[in-house]
Amino acid sequence: MDPIKAALERLDVAIDHLETALDGYAARRRAERDALVAALEAARIGEIRAREKVNTVSARLDAAIERLQSVLEE
């Protein structure tokens, strides 16, 4: 076999390996990004729910304070 032809075949194999590695790397990065996007969305939903609970608790505390103040004023 011609040395140049053999070198070109080895180069083709090396390029194939690099492309495979790059594809795997890109797939892992996409999966990581997707996981981060999902985690961020879950955190946003958690924040919304926490704010709703805080608002509910705050309203209940305000109502309790008003009731106590009216009882103390009587």
Protein backbone atom coordinates (compact mmCIF):
# COMPACT_ATOMS: atom_id res chain seq x y z
CA MET A 1 0.00 0.00 0.00
CA ASP A 2 1.21 3.45 -0.84
CA PRO A 3 2.46 5.30 2.29
CA ILE A 4 0.46 8.39 1.37
CA LYS A 5 -2.69 6.34 0.91
CA ALA A 6 -2.08 4.61 4.26
CA ALA A 7 -1.52 7.96 5.95
CA LEU A 8 -4.73 9.33 4.44
CA GLU A 9 -6.66 6.31 5.68
CA ARG A 10 -5.24 6.78 9.19
CA LEU A 11 -6.16 10.45 8.96
CA ASP A 12 -9.71 9.51 7.95
CA VAL A 13 -9.95 7.15 10.93
CA ALA A 14 -8.60 9.85 13.25
CA ILE A 15 -11.10 12.37 11.88
CA ASP A 16 -13.92 9.88 12.40
CA HIS A 17 -12.81 9.39 16.01
CA LEU A 18 -12.67 13.14 16.55
CA GLU A 19 -16.12 13.62 15.04
CA THR A 20 -17.51 10.86 17.25
CA ALA A 21 -15.90 12.41 20.31
CA LEU A 22 -17.21 15.85 19.37
CA ASP A 23 -20.72 14.49 18.84
CA GLY A 24 -20.59 12.86 22.28
CA TYR A 25 -19.31 16.05 23.84
CA ALA A 26 -22.03 18.10 22.19
CA ALA A 27 -24.70 15.61 23.30
CA ARG A 28 -23.45 15.78 26.91
CA ARG A 29 -23.46 19.58 26.82
CA ARG A 30 -27.01 19.60 25.44
CA ALA A 31 -28.11 17.19 28.16
CA GLU A 32 -26.46 19.33 30.83
CA ARG A 33 -28.05 22.46 29.41
CA ASP A 34 -31.45 20.79 29.31
CA ALA A 35 -31.03 19.67 32.92
CA LEU A 36 -30.09 23.22 33.95
CA VAL A 37 -33.08 24.66 32.11
CA ALA A 38 -35.36 22.17 33.87
CA ALA A 39 -33.79 22.98 37.25
CA LEU A 40 -34.18 26.71 36.62
CA GLU A 41 -37.84 26.26 35.69
CA ALA A 42 -38.42 24.17 38.81
CA ALA A 43 -36.73 26.87 40.90
CA ARG A 44 -38.92 29.54 39.32
CA ILE A 45 -42.04 27.51 40.06
CA GLY A 46 -40.79 26.97 43.61
CA GLU A 47 -40.25 30.70 44.02
CA ILE A 48 -43.76 31.46 42.78
CA ARG A 49 -45.25 28.94 45.21
CA ALA A 50 -43.15 30.29 48.06
CA ARG A 51 -44.27 33.84 47.30
CA GLU A 52 -47.89 32.68 47.28
CA LYS A 53 -47.41 31.03 50.69
CA VAL A 54 -45.69 34.12 52.05
CA ASN A 55 -48.58 36.27 50.85
CA THR A 56 -51.09 33.91 52.45
CA VAL A 57 -49.22 33.81 55.75
CA SER A 58 -48.78 37.58 55.68
CA ALA A 59 -52.50 38.12 55.12
CA ARG A 60 -53.37 35.73 57.95
CA LEU A 61 -50.92 37.45 60.29
CA ASP A 62 -52.35 40.84 59.39
CA ALA A 63 -55.85 39.56 60.12
CA ALA A 64 -54.74 38.04 63.43
CA ILE A 65 -53.01 41.29 64.44
CA GLU A 66 -56.15 43.28 63.61
CA ARG A 67 -58.29 40.90 65.69
CA LEU A 68 -55.89 41.14 68.62
CA GLN A 69 -55.80 44.92 68.38
CA SER A 70 -59.60 45.09 68.37
CA VAL A 71 -59.80 42.75 71.37
CA LEU A 72 -57.23 44.80 73.25
CA GLU A 73 -59.08 48.04 72.47
CA GLU A 74 -62.35 46.73 73.91
